[in-house]
């Protein structure tokens, strides 16, 4: 495999160059091709694989900065790192060598202003790295080590940061920790970019929070748990930087096929604020929750197969009319049309992507 997308010519970095594109992460250690570039049919949402690059080892999660024309990827390895690619009209071009994050096993990353943030699962920490004006990743990383544990001796003996992302408005950064059953709200030091804990919301012990999503209103947060098939609904106060849990909602029906092995992975709120979707591994399903009763009152209204096995991530396209499940174990990305009335996903197609882990759009 080459270090860049096959057929790459120039390096035109005009935002949006190359038309409708999706990028798919995968585990190279599990037979994946690294970062796969796919064309997106604007009429149907169908993906067509164009090329791939293995310039980053185990790029399990990606983040796109359209303003800079750069795609970022974690390297989920013991010596965790992040890599960058220019998103040109012809394909991806590696943009500098991967940079260490000062943590182990990064599983998620996001862009917060001129900082690149990573959630380091194995070491239980969050890293913040500087970004140059052109999007290049700088050094050194400022690292915040989480503290604490949970009651599950097999999974929660130590912190395990699983996701980090800026809140609406960019004032706060939220990190979800599976090992400590909590969500931390941090501010970034204006001089060093170092994360500093502002508040911590402790959720029910042993549930193992994994990912969260904001309602489009910016006032409600949905926290999805991995160790129990539950969604915690929280009120978000952007002024005080605090989360307040208000309800728990199941994302798997007791006794349903696969419910005993249910391991939720990703949560998505629709852009119009009418639905929430969650991917559930083990059960290999996508569940729909209606917000007809209000953003704080999601109601489980439907469950459909994910189209493969072990949906590690779930993504809505920018319009919210389609969902894409990255099915790791079956090695595919399956896409769904969303019923505009019910929110139910209806399978529309799939494409083979070995060891697929996530999908992002450009």
Protein backbone atom coordinates (compact mmCIF):
# COMPACT_ATOMS: atom_id res chain seq x y z
CA UNK A 1 0.00 0.00 0.00
CA UNK A 2 1.32 3.45 -0.86
CA UNK A 3 1.62 6.30 1.61
CA UNK A 4 -0.88 8.36 -0.32
CA UNK A 5 -4.07 7.87 -2.26
CA UNK A 6 -3.33 6.34 -5.62
CA UNK A 7 -3.43 8.80 -8.48
CA UNK A 8 -2.64 11.87 -6.37
CA UNK A 9 -1.29 14.69 -8.47
CA UNK A 10 -1.38 18.30 -7.30
CA UNK A 11 -2.09 19.68 -3.86
CA UNK A 12 -5.01 22.02 -4.46
CA UNK A 13 -6.26 22.64 -0.93
CA UNK A 14 -9.31 24.70 -1.78
CA UNK A 15 -11.99 23.78 0.82
CA UNK A 16 -14.50 21.50 -0.83
CA UNK A 17 -12.22 20.57 -3.71
CA UNK A 18 -12.77 17.04 -4.92
CA UNK A 19 -16.59 17.23 -4.67
CA UNK A 20 -18.60 15.00 -2.34
CA UNK A 21 -16.21 12.81 -0.36
CA UNK A 22 -16.28 10.49 2.62
CA UNK A 23 -13.28 9.13 4.51
CA UNK A 24 -13.40 5.83 6.33
CA UNK A 25 -11.03 4.81 9.11
CA UNK A 26 -10.01 1.20 9.74
CA UNK A 27 -7.66 -0.96 11.78
CA UNK A 28 -4.59 -1.78 9.71
CA UNK A 29 -3.70 -4.37 12.36
CA UNK A 30 -7.04 -6.07 11.62
CA UNK A 31 -6.65 -6.18 7.86
CA UNK A 32 -7.91 -2.68 7.12
CA UNK A 33 -6.45 -0.40 4.47
CA UNK A 34 -5.97 2.60 6.76
CA UNK A 35 -7.90 5.67 5.57
CA UNK A 36 -10.15 4.94 2.62
CA UNK A 37 -11.44 7.73 0.38
CA UNK A 38 -14.90 7.24 -1.14
CA UNK A 39 -17.01 9.30 -3.53
CA UNK A 40 -20.53 10.09 -2.29
CA UNK A 41 -23.39 10.10 -4.77
CA UNK A 42 -25.32 13.26 -3.82
CA UNK A 43 -28.61 11.80 -5.06
CA UNK A 44 -28.48 8.38 -3.39
CA UNK A 45 -25.76 8.62 -0.73
CA UNK A 46 -24.04 5.59 -2.22
CA UNK A 47 -20.31 5.27 -1.53
CA UNK A 48 -17.77 4.29 -4.19
CA UNK A 49 -14.29 3.45 -2.92
CA UNK A 50 -11.61 5.43 -4.74
CA UNK A 51 -8.33 4.79 -2.94
CA UNK A 52 -6.69 4.20 0.43
CA UNK A 53 -3.57 5.13 2.38
CA UNK A 54 -1.86 3.31 5.23
CA UNK A 55 0.41 6.25 6.14
CA UNK A 56 -1.06 6.13 9.68
CA UNK A 57 -1.20 2.87 11.65
CA UNK A 58 -4.66 1.92 12.95
CA UNK A 59 -6.45 5.19 12.11
CA UNK A 60 -9.55 4.26 14.07
CA UNK A 61 -11.03 7.75 14.23
CA UNK A 62 -10.92 10.73 11.88
CA UNK A 63 -11.78 14.43 12.04
CA UNK A 64 -12.08 16.82 9.11
CA UNK A 65 -11.24 20.53 9.24
CA UNK A 66 -12.84 21.94 6.08
CA UNK A 67 -11.46 25.45 6.64
CA UNK A 68 -7.88 24.18 6.54
CA UNK A 69 -8.55 21.42 4.01
CA UNK A 70 -7.00 18.86 6.37
CA UNK A 71 -8.12 15.43 7.56
CA UNK A 72 -6.75 14.24 10.92
CA UNK A 73 -6.44 10.63 12.11
CA UNK A 74 -5.55 9.03 15.41
CA UNK A 75 -3.10 6.16 15.47
CA UNK A 76 -4.65 3.85 18.06
CA UNK A 77 -1.37 2.29 19.19
CA UNK A 78 0.50 1.90 22.47
CA UNK A 79 2.58 4.91 21.50
CA UNK A 80 -0.41 6.98 20.46
CA UNK A 81 -0.05 9.48 17.64
CA UNK A 82 -2.00 11.67 15.25
CA UNK A 83 -1.47 12.14 11.53
CA UNK A 84 -2.68 14.70 9.01
CA UNK A 85 -3.60 14.60 5.33
CA UNK A 86 -4.25 17.36 2.84
CA UNK A 87 -7.65 16.84 1.21
CA UNK A 88 -6.90 17.67 -2.42
CA UNK A 89 -9.05 17.38 -5.51
CA UNK A 90 -7.14 14.22 -6.45
CA UNK A 91 -7.05 12.54 -3.04
CA UNK A 92 -5.27 12.52 0.32
CA UNK A 93 -1.67 13.64 0.67
CA UNK A 94 0.21 12.95 3.95
CA UNK A 95 0.90 16.30 5.63
CA UNK A 96 3.97 15.79 7.80
CA UNK A 97 4.92 12.77 9.89
CA UNK A 98 2.59 11.45 12.62
CA UNK A 99 3.06 13.27 15.95
CA UNK A 100 2.99 11.61 19.37
CA UNK A 101 0.13 12.54 21.71
CA UNK A 102 1.81 11.60 24.98
CA UNK A 103 -0.79 8.93 25.66
CA UNK A 104 -1.65 5.35 24.76
CA UNK A 105 -4.46 4.04 22.60
CA UNK A 106 -6.16 7.23 21.35
CA UNK A 107 -9.68 6.38 20.20
CA UNK A 108 -11.16 9.77 19.32
CA UNK A 109 -10.09 13.21 18.20
CA UNK A 110 -11.61 16.58 17.39
CA UNK A 111 -10.59 20.07 16.36
CA UNK A 112 -11.11 22.87 18.91
CA UNK A 113 -10.02 26.17 17.43
CA UNK A 114 -6.27 25.94 16.82
CA UNK A 115 -5.91 22.81 18.96
CA UNK A 116 -6.24 19.13 18.09
CA UNK A 117 -7.69 17.06 20.95
CA UNK A 118 -7.38 13.30 21.48
CA UNK A 119 -9.04 10.94 23.97
CA UNK A 120 -6.47 8.33 24.96
CA UNK A 121 -8.33 5.20 26.05
CA UNK A 122 -5.50 3.02 27.35
CA UNK A 123 -3.73 5.71 29.38
CA UNK A 124 -6.95 7.41 30.47
CA UNK A 125 -5.97 10.90 29.39
CA UNK A 126 -6.79 13.77 27.06
CA UNK A 127 -4.14 15.44 24.90
CA UNK A 128 -4.13 18.86 23.29
CA UNK A 129 -1.76 19.64 20.40
CA UNK A 130 -1.22 22.97 18.64
CA UNK A 131 -2.29 23.47 15.04
CA UNK A 132 -0.47 25.89 12.75
CA UNK A 133 -2.37 28.32 10.54
CA UNK A 134 -2.07 25.88 7.63
CA UNK A 135 -3.41 22.98 9.73
CA UNK A 136 -0.07 21.30 10.41
CA UNK A 137 0.17 19.49 13.76
CA UNK A 138 2.67 20.95 16.19
CA UNK A 139 4.31 19.82 19.41
CA UNK A 140 4.43 19.27 22.30
CA UNK A 141 1.18 17.75 23.49
CA UNK A 142 -0.36 19.09 26.70
CA UNK A 143 -1.78 16.07 28.54
CA UNK A 144 -4.49 15.89 31.19
CA UNK A 145 -4.46 12.58 33.08
CA UNK A 146 -7.87 11.47 34.33
CA UNK A 147 -8.18 9.99 37.82
CA UNK A 148 -10.58 7.39 39.20
CA UNK A 149 -12.05 3.95 38.56
CA UNK A 150 -15.36 2.09 38.42
CA UNK A 151 -16.91 -1.11 39.81
CA UNK A 152 -16.36 -3.30 36.73
CA UNK A 153 -13.06 -5.02 37.56
CA UNK A 154 -12.50 -6.09 33.98
CA UNK A 155 -13.09 -2.72 32.31
CA UNK A 156 -12.90 0.01 34.96
CA UNK A 157 -9.78 -0.50 37.03
CA UNK A 158 -8.45 2.81 35.73
CA UNK A 159 -9.60 5.78 33.64
CA UNK A 160 -10.38 5.19 29.97
CA UNK A 161 -11.06 8.41 28.08
CA UNK A 162 -13.12 7.47 25.03
CA UNK A 163 -14.23 10.72 23.43
CA UNK A 164 -13.31 14.41 23.57
CA UNK A 165 -15.03 17.22 21.70
CA UNK A 166 -15.71 20.94 22.03
CA UNK A 167 -19.14 22.07 23.12
CA UNK A 168 -21.25 24.50 21.11
CA UNK A 169 -19.60 27.89 21.09
CA UNK A 170 -16.16 26.42 21.74
CA UNK A 171 -15.76 27.69 25.31
CA UNK A 172 -15.75 24.23 26.88
CA UNK A 173 -14.35 20.81 26.00
CA UNK A 174 -16.14 17.64 27.15
CA UNK A 175 -14.38 14.31 27.67
CA UNK A 176 -16.23 11.04 28.22
CA UNK A 177 -14.51 8.44 30.42
CA UNK A 178 -15.66 4.82 30.39
CA UNK A 179 -13.43 3.86 33.31
CA UNK A 180 -14.59 6.52 35.76
CA UNK A 181 -18.30 6.64 34.77
CA UNK A 182 -18.09 10.37 34.26
CA UNK A 183 -17.96 13.29 31.85
CA UNK A 184 -15.41 16.03 32.49
CA UNK A 185 -15.89 19.59 31.34
CA UNK A 186 -12.59 21.34 30.67
CA UNK A 187 -11.35 24.73 29.60
CA UNK A 188 -8.25 25.06 27.44
CA UNK A 189 -5.53 27.29 28.85
CA UNK A 190 -5.40 30.32 26.51
CA UNK A 191 -1.59 30.35 26.54
CA UNK A 192 -0.61 26.66 26.53
CA UNK A 193 -3.77 24.95 25.28
CA UNK A 194 -3.62 22.55 28.23
CA UNK A 195 -6.98 21.10 29.32
CA UNK A 196 -8.01 22.05 32.85
CA UNK A 197 -10.94 20.34 34.62
CA UNK A 198 -13.76 22.78 35.32
CA UNK A 199 -16.45 20.32 36.44
CA UNK A 200 -17.10 16.58 36.46
CA UNK A 201 -20.48 14.90 36.16
CA UNK A 202 -20.58 11.43 37.70
CA UNK A 203 -23.04 9.05 36.06
CA UNK A 204 -24.43 5.77 37.35
CA UNK A 205 -21.64 3.45 38.46
CA UNK A 206 -20.71 0.61 36.14
CA UNK A 207 -22.47 1.93 33.05
CA UNK A 208 -19.26 2.88 31.20
CA UNK A 209 -20.07 6.05 29.24
CA UNK A 210 -18.49 5.96 25.77
CA UNK A 211 -19.76 8.77 23.51
CA UNK A 212 -22.04 11.79 23.69
CA UNK A 213 -23.91 13.99 21.23
CA UNK A 214 -25.45 17.44 21.58
CA UNK A 215 -29.02 18.18 20.62
CA UNK A 216 -29.03 20.91 17.93
CA UNK A 217 -30.47 23.34 20.48
CA UNK A 218 -27.17 23.07 22.37
CA UNK A 219 -29.07 22.67 25.64
CA UNK A 220 -29.32 18.86 25.93
CA UNK A 221 -26.63 16.19 25.80
CA UNK A 222 -27.13 12.46 25.16
CA UNK A 223 -24.48 10.24 26.78
CA UNK A 224 -24.33 6.67 25.46
CA UNK A 225 -23.04 3.91 27.73
CA UNK A 226 -21.00 0.93 26.55
CA UNK A 227 -21.26 -1.38 29.57
CA UNK A 228 -25.05 -1.08 29.78
CA UNK A 229 -27.41 -0.41 26.85
CA UNK A 230 -28.50 2.93 28.26
CA UNK A 231 -28.62 6.57 27.21
CA UNK A 232 -28.33 9.26 29.87
CA UNK A 233 -30.06 12.54 29.06
CA UNK A 234 -28.38 15.62 30.52
CA UNK A 235 -29.17 19.31 30.59
CA UNK A 236 -26.24 21.42 29.44
CA UNK A 237 -25.58 24.86 30.91
CA UNK A 238 -23.13 26.59 28.59
CA UNK A 239 -22.77 29.56 30.94
CA UNK A 240 -21.70 27.53 33.97
CA UNK A 241 -20.11 24.65 32.04
CA UNK A 242 -22.10 21.98 33.85
CA UNK A 243 -24.06 18.86 32.92
CA UNK A 244 -27.11 17.76 34.90
CA UNK A 245 -28.40 14.20 34.37
CA UNK A 246 -32.20 14.14 34.14
CA UNK A 247 -33.15 10.71 32.74
CA UNK A 248 -31.98 7.29 31.59
CA UNK A 249 -33.42 5.63 28.50
CA UNK A 250 -32.77 2.05 27.29
CA UNK A 251 -31.36 1.51 23.80
CA UNK A 252 -32.01 -2.25 23.73
CA UNK A 253 -35.21 -4.05 24.64
CA UNK A 254 -34.73 -6.71 27.38
CA UNK A 255 -35.03 -10.19 25.93
CA UNK A 256 -34.54 -9.05 22.35
CA UNK A 257 -32.04 -11.05 20.25
CA UNK A 258 -28.50 -10.04 21.18
CA UNK A 259 -29.61 -7.85 24.10
CA UNK A 260 -27.51 -9.82 26.59
CA UNK A 261 -24.37 -8.99 24.59
CA UNK A 262 -25.41 -5.42 23.78
CA UNK A 263 -22.45 -3.03 23.67
CA UNK A 264 -23.50 0.42 22.43
CA UNK A 265 -20.92 2.35 20.46
CA UNK A 266 -22.13 5.64 18.96
CA UNK A 267 -24.95 8.15 19.31
CA UNK A 268 -26.18 10.67 16.73
CA UNK A 269 -28.73 13.48 17.02
CA UNK A 270 -30.54 14.48 13.84
CA UNK A 271 -29.81 18.01 12.57
CA UNK A 272 -33.51 18.90 12.79
CA UNK A 273 -33.64 17.85 16.47
CA UNK A 274 -36.44 15.29 15.99
CA UNK A 275 -34.54 12.02 16.49
CA UNK A 276 -31.61 10.34 18.19
CA UNK A 277 -30.00 7.19 16.82
CA UNK A 278 -27.62 4.77 18.51
CA UNK A 279 -25.54 1.87 17.21
CA UNK A 280 -25.47 -1.23 19.39
CA UNK A 281 -22.79 -3.86 18.89
CA UNK A 282 -23.50 -7.44 19.92
CA UNK A 283 -27.15 -6.93 19.08
CA UNK A 284 -25.84 -5.45 15.78
CA UNK A 285 -28.65 -2.95 15.56
CA UNK A 286 -29.43 0.72 15.04
CA UNK A 287 -32.12 2.07 17.35
CA UNK A 288 -34.29 5.12 16.75
CA UNK A 289 -35.44 7.34 19.58
CA UNK A 290 -38.13 9.92 18.90
CA UNK A 291 -37.94 13.38 20.47
CA UNK A 292 -41.57 14.17 19.78
CA UNK A 293 -42.14 14.60 23.51
CA UNK A 294 -39.23 17.02 23.84
CA UNK A 295 -35.44 16.93 23.69
CA UNK A 296 -35.22 15.64 27.27
CA UNK A 297 -37.67 12.80 26.64
CA UNK A 298 -36.31 10.44 23.97
CA UNK A 299 -38.54 7.43 23.36
CA UNK A 300 -37.29 4.20 21.77
CA UNK A 301 -39.51 3.70 18.72
CA UNK A 302 -37.68 1.28 16.48
CA UNK A 303 -34.80 -1.13 15.97
CA UNK A 304 -33.28 -2.29 12.66
CA UNK A 305 -30.28 -4.50 11.78
CA UNK A 306 -27.05 -2.54 11.24
CA UNK A 307 -26.41 -4.31 7.93
CA UNK A 308 -23.34 -6.19 9.20
CA UNK A 309 -21.52 -7.11 12.37
CA UNK A 310 -20.18 -4.94 15.20
CA UNK A 311 -21.16 -1.36 14.25
CA UNK A 312 -18.25 0.52 15.81
CA UNK A 313 -19.47 3.91 14.66
CA UNK A 314 -22.59 5.58 13.32
CA UNK A 315 -22.60 8.84 11.36
CA UNK A 316 -25.26 11.03 9.77
CA UNK A 317 -24.50 12.75 6.51
CA UNK A 318 -24.56 16.57 6.66
CA UNK A 319 -28.23 16.67 5.63
CA UNK A 320 -29.32 14.16 8.27
CA UNK A 321 -31.23 12.24 5.59
CA UNK A 322 -28.89 9.25 5.73
CA UNK A 323 -26.99 7.21 8.30
CA UNK A 324 -23.76 5.29 7.78
CA UNK A 325 -22.74 2.35 9.99
CA UNK A 326 -19.08 1.32 10.07
CA UNK A 327 -19.38 -2.42 10.70
CA UNK A 328 -15.96 -3.48 11.93
CA UNK A 329 -16.21 -7.26 12.07
CA UNK A 330 -18.13 -7.77 8.84
CA UNK A 331 -15.83 -5.27 7.11
CA UNK A 332 -18.32 -2.94 5.48
CA UNK A 333 -19.99 0.46 5.61
CA UNK A 334 -23.76 0.23 5.26
CA UNK A 335 -25.90 3.28 4.54
CA UNK A 336 -29.54 3.91 5.32
CA UNK A 337 -32.21 6.31 4.13
CA UNK A 338 -34.00 7.96 7.06
CA UNK A 339 -37.79 8.02 6.94
CA UNK A 340 -38.63 11.73 7.33
CA UNK A 341 -41.75 11.00 9.38
CA UNK A 342 -40.65 8.22 11.72
CA UNK A 343 -36.86 8.57 11.67
CA UNK A 344 -36.56 4.84 10.92
CA UNK A 345 -33.41 3.94 8.96
CA UNK A 346 -34.01 1.85 5.85
CA UNK A 347 -31.04 -0.02 4.41
CA UNK A 348 -30.03 1.38 1.02
CA UNK A 349 -26.66 -0.22 0.26
CA UNK A 350 -23.19 -1.11 1.46
CA UNK A 351 -19.57 -1.16 0.40
CA UNK A 352 -16.75 -3.46 1.53
CA UNK A 353 -14.22 -1.76 3.83
CA UNK A 354 -12.22 -4.27 5.93
CA UNK A 355 -12.09 -3.50 9.66
CA UNK A 356 -14.08 -0.28 9.22
CA UNK A 357 -14.19 1.97 12.28
CA UNK A 358 -15.68 5.36 11.37
CA UNK A 359 -16.96 7.56 8.55
CA UNK A 360 -16.58 11.34 8.18
CA UNK A 361 -17.70 13.63 5.36
CA UNK A 362 -16.05 16.47 3.47
